[in-house]
PDB file of N, CA and C in Angstrom:
ATOM      1  N   MET A   1       0.823  -1.182   0.000  1.00  0.00           N
ATOM      2  CA  MET A   1       0.000   0.000   0.000  1.00  0.00           C
ATOM      3  C   MET A   1       0.876   1.258   0.000  1.00  0.00           C
ATOM      4  N   ALA A   2       1.959   1.233   0.748  1.00  0.00           N
ATOM      5  CA  ALA A   2       2.867   2.380   0.809  1.00  0.00           C
ATOM      6  C   ALA A   2       3.475   2.658  -0.563  1.00  0.00           C
ATOM      7  N   GLU A   3       3.785   1.606  -1.314  1.00  0.00           N
ATOM      8  CA  GLU A   3       4.365   1.788  -2.639  1.00  0.00           C
ATOM      9  C   GLU A   3       3.354   2.433  -3.592  1.00  0.00           C
ATOM     10  N   VAL A   4       2.110   2.029  -3.518  1.00  0.00           N
ATOM     11  CA  VAL A   4       1.065   2.617  -4.351  1.00  0.00           C
ATOM     12  C   VAL A   4       0.904   4.096  -4.013  1.00  0.00           C
ATOM     13  N   ARG A   5       0.950   4.401  -2.725  1.00  0.00           N
ATOM     14  CA  ARG A   5       0.837   5.804  -2.297  1.00  0.00           C
ATOM     15  C   ARG A   5       1.990   6.642  -2.837  1.00  0.00           C
ATOM     16  N   ARG A   6       3.208   6.121  -2.768  1.00  0.00           N
ATOM     17  CA  ARG A   6       4.366   6.841  -3.296  1.00  0.00           C
ATOM     18  C   ARG A   6       4.249   7.060  -4.797  1.00  0.00           C
ATOM     19  N   GLU A   7       3.754   6.046  -5.517  1.00  0.00           N
ATOM     20  CA  GLU A   7       3.559   6.189  -6.954  1.00  0.00           C
ATOM     21  C   GLU A   7       2.526   7.278  -7.248  1.00  0.00           C
ATOM     22  N   LEU A   8       1.452   7.296  -6.490  1.00  0.00           N
ATOM     23  CA  LEU A   8       0.425   8.317  -6.663  1.00  0.00           C
ATOM     24  C   LEU A   8       0.989   9.704  -6.363  1.00  0.00           C
ATOM     25  N   GLU A   9       1.758   9.806  -5.295  1.00  0.00           N
ATOM     26  CA  GLU A   9       2.388  11.087  -4.958  1.00  0.00           C
ATOM     27  C   GLU A   9       3.306  11.552  -6.085  1.00  0.00           C
ATOM     28  N   THR A  10       4.051  10.640  -6.667  1.00  0.00           N
ATOM     29  CA  THR A  10       4.955  10.975  -7.764  1.00  0.00           C
ATOM     30  C   THR A  10       4.175  11.497  -8.968  1.00  0.00           C
ATOM     31  N   VAL A  11       3.066  10.860  -9.286  1.00  0.00           N
ATOM     32  CA  VAL A  11       2.242  11.307 -10.408  1.00  0.00           C
ATOM     33  C   VAL A  11       1.677  12.696 -10.135  1.00  0.00           C
ATOM     34  N   VAL A  12       1.156  12.908  -8.924  1.00  0.00           N
ATOM     35  CA  VAL A  12       0.576  14.204  -8.572  1.00  0.00           C
ATOM     36  C   VAL A  12       1.648  15.299  -8.649  1.00  0.00           C
ATOM     37  N   ILE A  13       2.819  15.023  -8.139  1.00  0.00           N
ATOM     38  CA  ILE A  13       3.910  16.012  -8.173  1.00  0.00           C
ATOM     39  C   ILE A  13       4.296  16.328  -9.613  1.00  0.00           C
ATOM     40  N   ARG A  14       4.437  15.306 -10.447  1.00  0.00           N
ATOM     41  CA  ARG A  14       4.804  15.518 -11.850  1.00  0.00           C
ATOM     42  C   ARG A  14       3.749  16.361 -12.564  1.00  0.00           C
ATOM     43  N   LEU A  15       2.482  16.028 -12.372  1.00  0.00           N
ATOM     44  CA  LEU A  15       1.403  16.777 -13.021  1.00  0.00           C
ATOM     45  C   LEU A  15       1.351  18.217 -12.521  1.00  0.00           C
ATOM     46  N   TYR A  16       1.509  18.393 -11.217  1.00  0.00           N
ATOM     47  CA  TYR A  16       1.451  19.736 -10.649  1.00  0.00           C
ATOM     48  C   TYR A  16       2.548  20.627 -11.234  1.00  0.00           C
ATOM     49  N   PHE A  17       3.768  20.116 -11.331  1.00  0.00           N
ATOM     50  CA  PHE A  17       4.846  20.949 -11.848  1.00  0.00           C
ATOM     51  C   PHE A  17       4.773  21.121 -13.363  1.00  0.00           C
ATOM     52  N   GLU A  18       4.203  20.170 -14.069  1.00  0.00           N
ATOM     53  CA  GLU A  18       3.936  20.397 -15.495  1.00  0.00           C
ATOM     54  C   GLU A  18       2.943  21.553 -15.626  1.00  0.00           C
ATOM     55  N   ARG A  19       1.914  21.555 -14.769  1.00  0.00           N
ATOM     56  CA  ARG A  19       0.929  22.629 -14.769  1.00  0.00           C
ATOM     57  C   ARG A  19       1.589  23.973 -14.472  1.00  0.00           C
ATOM     58  N   ARG A  20       2.479  24.010 -13.495  1.00  0.00           N
ATOM     59  CA  ARG A  20       3.171  25.269 -13.161  1.00  0.00           C
ATOM     60  C   ARG A  20       4.017  25.770 -14.322  1.00  0.00           C
ATOM     61  N   ARG A  21       4.715  24.845 -14.994  1.00  0.00           N
ATOM     62  CA  ARG A  21       5.530  25.243 -16.155  1.00  0.00           C
ATOM     63  C   ARG A  21       4.648  25.834 -17.245  1.00  0.00           C
ATOM     64  N   LEU A  22       3.505  25.199 -17.501  1.00  0.00           N
ATOM     65  CA  LEU A  22       2.601  25.704 -18.527  1.00  0.00           C
ATOM     66  C   LEU A  22       1.991  27.049 -18.142  1.00  0.00           C
ATOM     67  N   LYS A  23       1.657  27.226 -16.866  1.00  0.00           N
ATOM     68  CA  LYS A  23       1.126  28.514 -16.411  1.00  0.00           C
ATOM     69  C   LYS A  23       2.166  29.616 -16.615  1.00  0.00           C
ATOM     70  N   THR A  24       3.420  29.316 -16.315  1.00  0.00           N
ATOM     71  CA  THR A  24       4.503  30.280 -16.517  1.00  0.00           C
ATOM     72  C   THR A  24       4.669  30.579 -17.992  1.00  0.00           C
ATOM     73  N   GLU A  25       4.628  29.537 -18.812  1.00  0.00           N
ATOM     74  CA  GLU A  25       4.728  29.717 -20.261  1.00  0.00           C
ATOM     75  C   GLU A  25       3.579  30.580 -20.773  1.00  0.00           C
ATOM     76  N   ALA A  26       2.378  30.348 -20.272  1.00  0.00           N
ATOM     77  CA  ALA A  26       1.212  31.121 -20.705  1.00  0.00           C
ATOM     78  C   ALA A  26       1.381  32.591 -20.355  1.00  0.00           C
ATOM     79  N   LEU A  27       1.961  32.875 -19.199  1.00  0.00           N
ATOM     80  CA  LEU A  27       2.185  34.268 -18.812  1.00  0.00           C
ATOM     81  C   LEU A  27       3.249  34.935 -19.675  1.00  0.00           C
ATOM     82  N   ALA A  28       4.213  34.150 -20.116  1.00  0.00           N
ATOM     83  CA  ALA A  28       5.343  34.692 -20.866  1.00  0.00           C
ATOM     84  C   ALA A  28       5.059  34.841 -22.362  1.00  0.00           C
ATOM     85  N   THR A  29       4.036  34.142 -22.866  1.00  0.00           N
ATOM     86  CA  THR A  29       3.778  34.201 -24.300  1.00  0.00           C
ATOM     87  C   THR A  29       2.929  35.408 -24.650  1.00  0.00           C
ATOM     88  N   ASP A  30       3.083  35.831 -25.863  1.00  0.00           N
ATOM     89  CA  ASP A  30       2.321  36.956 -26.400  1.00  0.00           C
ATOM     90  C   ASP A  30       0.872  36.512 -26.610  1.00  0.00           C
ATOM     91  N   ALA A  31      -0.083  37.314 -26.206  1.00  0.00           N
ATOM     92  CA  ALA A  31      -1.502  36.978 -26.331  1.00  0.00           C
ATOM     93  C   ALA A  31      -1.925  36.814 -27.784  1.00  0.00           C
ATOM     94  N   SER A  32      -1.185  37.363 -28.717  1.00  0.00           N
ATOM     95  CA  SER A  32      -1.542  37.262 -30.125  1.00  0.00           C
ATOM     96  C   SER A  32      -1.149  35.925 -30.751  1.00  0.00           C
ATOM     97  N   ASP A  33      -0.536  35.036 -29.969  1.00  0.00           N
ATOM     98  CA  ASP A  33      -0.105  33.741 -30.503  1.00  0.00           C
ATOM     99  C   ASP A  33      -1.271  32.835 -30.863  1.00  0.00           C
ATOM    100  N   GLY A  34      -2.454  33.073 -30.333  1.00  0.00           N
ATOM    101  CA  GLY A  34      -3.658  32.347 -30.714  1.00  0.00           C
ATOM    102  C   GLY A  34      -3.660  30.873 -30.389  1.00  0.00           C
ATOM    103  N   ALA A  35      -3.518  30.032 -31.416  1.00  0.00           N
ATOM    104  CA  ALA A  35      -3.663  28.589 -31.270  1.00  0.00           C
ATOM    105  C   ALA A  35      -2.726  27.981 -30.225  1.00  0.00           C
ATOM    106  N   PRO A  36      -1.438  28.340 -30.217  1.00  0.00           N
ATOM    107  CA  PRO A  36      -0.580  27.758 -29.173  1.00  0.00           C
ATOM    108  C   PRO A  36      -1.059  28.117 -27.767  1.00  0.00           C
ATOM    109  N   ALA A  37      -1.532  29.338 -27.576  1.00  0.00           N
ATOM    110  CA  ALA A  37      -2.017  29.745 -26.259  1.00  0.00           C
ATOM    111  C   ALA A  37      -3.255  28.951 -25.866  1.00  0.00           C
ATOM    112  N   VAL A  38      -4.114  28.677 -26.831  1.00  0.00           N
ATOM    113  CA  VAL A  38      -5.318  27.890 -26.555  1.00  0.00           C
ATOM    114  C   VAL A  38      -4.933  26.466 -26.182  1.00  0.00           C
ATOM    115  N   ARG A  39      -3.968  25.895 -26.893  1.00  0.00           N
ATOM    116  CA  ARG A  39      -3.523  24.528 -26.576  1.00  0.00           C
ATOM    117  C   ARG A  39      -2.937  24.457 -25.168  1.00  0.00           C
ATOM    118  N   VAL A  40      -2.166  25.465 -24.798  1.00  0.00           N
ATOM    119  CA  VAL A  40      -1.583  25.501 -23.453  1.00  0.00           C
ATOM    120  C   VAL A  40      -2.695  25.578 -22.412  1.00  0.00           C
ATOM    121  N   GLU A  41      -3.683  26.435 -22.639  1.00  0.00           N
ATOM    122  CA  GLU A  41      -4.780  26.585 -21.682  1.00  0.00           C
ATOM    123  C   GLU A  41      -5.594  25.298 -21.571  1.00  0.00           C
ATOM    124  N   ILE A  42      -5.831  24.623 -22.677  1.00  0.00           N
ATOM    125  CA  ILE A  42      -6.561  23.353 -22.632  1.00  0.00           C
ATOM    126  C   ILE A  42      -5.774  22.314 -21.852  1.00  0.00           C
ATOM    127  N   ARG A  43      -4.461  22.255 -22.057  1.00  0.00           N
ATOM    128  CA  ARG A  43      -3.625  21.301 -21.308  1.00  0.00           C
ATOM    129  C   ARG A  43      -3.650  21.626 -19.825  1.00  0.00           C
ATOM    130  N   ILE A  44      -3.628  22.907 -19.474  1.00  0.00           N
ATOM    131  CA  ILE A  44      -3.705  23.300 -18.064  1.00  0.00           C
ATOM    132  C   ILE A  44      -5.027  22.823 -17.466  1.00  0.00           C
ATOM    133  N   GLN A  45      -6.121  22.988 -18.198  1.00  0.00           N
ATOM    134  CA  GLN A  45      -7.416  22.527 -17.717  1.00  0.00           C
ATOM    135  C   GLN A  45      -7.454  21.009 -17.567  1.00  0.00           C
ATOM    136  N   GLU A  46      -6.807  20.317 -18.496  1.00  0.00           N
ATOM    137  CA  GLU A  46      -6.715  18.860 -18.406  1.00  0.00           C
ATOM    138  C   GLU A  46      -5.934  18.447 -17.154  1.00  0.00           C
ATOM    139  N   LEU A  47      -4.827  19.123 -16.899  1.00  0.00           N
ATOM    140  CA  LEU A  47      -4.033  18.831 -15.705  1.00  0.00           C
ATOM    141  C   LEU A  47      -4.823  19.130 -14.437  1.00  0.00           C
ATOM    142  N   ASP A  48      -5.573  20.241 -14.443  1.00  0.00           N
ATOM    143  CA  ASP A  48      -6.423  20.561 -13.297  1.00  0.00           C
ATOM    144  C   ASP A  48      -7.392  19.416 -13.016  1.00  0.00           C
ATOM    145  N   ALA A  49      -8.016  18.890 -14.067  1.00  0.00           N
ATOM    146  CA  ALA A  49      -8.971  17.794 -13.902  1.00  0.00           C
ATOM    147  C   ALA A  49      -8.294  16.528 -13.380  1.00  0.00           C
ATOM    148  N   GLU A  50      -7.126  16.214 -13.931  1.00  0.00           N
ATOM    149  CA  GLU A  50      -6.395  15.031 -13.462  1.00  0.00           C
ATOM    150  C   GLU A  50      -5.995  15.178 -12.002  1.00  0.00           C
ATOM    151  N   LEU A  51      -5.462  16.341 -11.648  1.00  0.00           N
ATOM    152  CA  LEU A  51      -5.049  16.566 -10.258  1.00  0.00           C
ATOM    153  C   LEU A  51      -6.249  16.505  -9.319  1.00  0.00           C
ATOM    154  N   ASP A  52      -7.359  17.054  -9.757  1.00  0.00           N
ATOM    155  CA  ASP A  52      -8.558  17.017  -8.936  1.00  0.00           C
ATOM    156  C   ASP A  52      -9.032  15.580  -8.735  1.00  0.00           C
ATOM    157  N   ALA A  53      -9.009  14.791  -9.789  1.00  0.00           N
ATOM    158  CA  ALA A  53      -9.427  13.386  -9.680  1.00  0.00           C
ATOM    159  C   ALA A  53      -8.495  12.598  -8.765  1.00  0.00           C
ATOM    160  N   LEU A  54      -7.194  12.815  -8.905  1.00  0.00           N
ATOM    161  CA  LEU A  54      -6.225  12.074  -8.106  1.00  0.00           C
ATOM    162  C   LEU A  54      -6.233  12.476  -6.630  1.00  0.00           C
ATOM    163  N   THR A  55      -6.678  13.700  -6.352  1.00  0.00           N
ATOM    164  CA  THR A  55      -6.663  14.184  -4.967  1.00  0.00           C
ATOM    165  C   THR A  55      -8.046  14.200  -4.335  1.00  0.00           C
ATOM    166  N   GLY A  56      -9.026  13.609  -5.006  1.00  0.00           N
ATOM    167  CA  GLY A  56     -10.365  13.557  -4.441  1.00  0.00           C
ATOM    168  C   GLY A  56     -10.986  14.939  -4.248  1.00  0.00           C
ATOM    169  N   GLY A  57     -10.668  15.853  -5.143  1.00  0.00           N
ATOM    170  CA  GLY A  57     -11.214  17.200  -5.080  1.00  0.00           C
ATOM    171  C   GLY A  57     -10.391  18.186  -4.274  1.00  0.00           C
ATOM    172  N   ALA A  58      -9.346  17.728  -3.615  1.00  0.00           N
ATOM    173  CA  ALA A  58      -8.528  18.613  -2.781  1.00  0.00           C
ATOM    174  C   ALA A  58      -7.835  19.696  -3.607  1.00  0.00           C
ATOM    175  N   PHE A  59      -7.465  19.366  -4.837  1.00  0.00           N
ATOM    176  CA  PHE A  59      -6.785  20.361  -5.656  1.00  0.00           C
ATOM    177  C   PHE A  59      -7.711  21.540  -5.954  1.00  0.00           C
ATOM    178  N   SER A  60      -8.953  21.265  -6.310  1.00  0.00           N
ATOM    179  CA  SER A  60      -9.908  22.350  -6.578  1.00  0.00           C
ATOM    180  C   SER A  60     -10.199  23.161  -5.322  1.00  0.00           C
ATOM    181  N   ARG A  61     -10.324  22.478  -4.201  1.00  0.00           N
ATOM    182  CA  ARG A  61     -10.557  23.201  -2.943  1.00  0.00           C
ATOM    183  C   ARG A  61      -9.370  24.095  -2.611  1.00  0.00           C
ATOM    184  N   TRP A  62      -8.168  23.605  -2.839  1.00  0.00           N
ATOM    185  CA  TRP A  62      -6.968  24.401  -2.584  1.00  0.00           C
ATOM    186  C   TRP A  62      -6.937  25.620  -3.492  1.00  0.00           C
ATOM    187  N   ARG A  63      -7.237  25.417  -4.793  1.00  0.00           N
ATOM    188  CA  ARG A  63      -7.253  26.540  -5.735  1.00  0.00           C
ATOM    189  C   ARG A  63      -8.305  27.564  -5.337  1.00  0.00           C
ATOM    190  N   ALA A  64      -9.483  27.098  -4.934  1.00  0.00           N
ATOM    191  CA  ALA A  64     -10.549  28.004  -4.524  1.00  0.00           C
ATOM    192  C   ALA A  64     -10.151  28.782  -3.275  1.00  0.00           C
ATOM    193  N   SER A  65      -9.482  28.112  -2.345  1.00  0.00           N
ATOM    194  CA  SER A  65      -9.064  28.792  -1.110  1.00  0.00           C
ATOM    195  C   SER A  65      -8.031  29.861  -1.403  1.00  0.00           C
ATOM    196  N   ARG A  66      -7.167  29.625  -2.368  1.00  0.00           N
ATOM    197  CA  ARG A  66      -6.177  30.638  -2.749  1.00  0.00           C
ATOM    198  C   ARG A  66      -6.864  31.835  -3.388  1.00  0.00           C
ATOM    199  N   ALA A  67      -7.908  31.578  -4.164  1.00  0.00           N
ATOM    200  CA  ALA A  67      -8.603  32.666  -4.848  1.00  0.00           C
ATOM    201  C   ALA A  67      -9.392  33.537  -3.867  1.00  0.00           C
ATOM    202  N   THR A  68      -9.923  32.906  -2.815  1.00  0.00           N
ATOM    203  CA  THR A  68     -10.764  33.655  -1.859  1.00  0.00           C
ATOM    204  C   THR A  68     -10.002  34.072  -0.613  1.00  0.00           C
ATOM    205  N   GLY A  69      -8.826  33.494  -0.410  1.00  0.00           N
ATOM    206  CA  GLY A  69      -8.069  33.803   0.809  1.00  0.00           C
ATOM    207  C   GLY A  69      -8.537  33.011   2.016  1.00  0.00           C
ATOM    208  N   GLN A  70      -9.481  32.090   1.794  1.00  0.00           N
ATOM    209  CA  GLN A  70      -9.987  31.247   2.888  1.00  0.00           C
ATOM    210  C   GLN A  70      -9.189  29.958   2.945  1.00  0.00           C
ATOM    211  N   PRO A  71      -9.045  29.370   4.132  1.00  0.00           N
ATOM    212  CA  PRO A  71      -8.317  28.087   4.214  1.00  0.00           C
ATOM    213  C   PRO A  71      -9.088  26.985   3.507  1.00  0.00           C
ATOM    214  N   ALA A  72      -8.346  26.060   2.904  1.00  0.00           N
ATOM    215  CA  ALA A  72      -8.958  24.932   2.219  1.00  0.00           C
ATOM    216  C   ALA A  72      -9.521  23.948   3.230  1.00  0.00           C
ATOM    217  N   THR A  73     -10.653  23.352   2.893  1.00  0.00           N
ATOM    218  CA  THR A  73     -11.230  22.326   3.764  1.00  0.00           C
ATOM    219  C   THR A  73     -10.797  20.970   3.273  1.00  0.00           C
ATOM    220  N   PRO A  74     -10.493  20.056   4.177  1.00  0.00           N
ATOM    221  CA  PRO A  74     -10.036  18.726   3.754  1.00  0.00           C
ATOM    222  C   PRO A  74     -11.079  17.927   3.022  1.00  0.00           C
TER     223      PRO A  74
END
């Protein structure tokens, strides 16, 4: 069971940092790039969904808490 948990943690960490890299890339790219920017945003949304599924909704709650300044609920 511990090995499965570590594997899950590794996947979540990899996805989270891929998402961060894409968010940084999206901020750095010119808004006039069009299609590439849309592809990046779609991938970010896909990563959000994967992270949310893997964390049982904790990722969305964490994101919402950051947006509102309220602590995330477990």
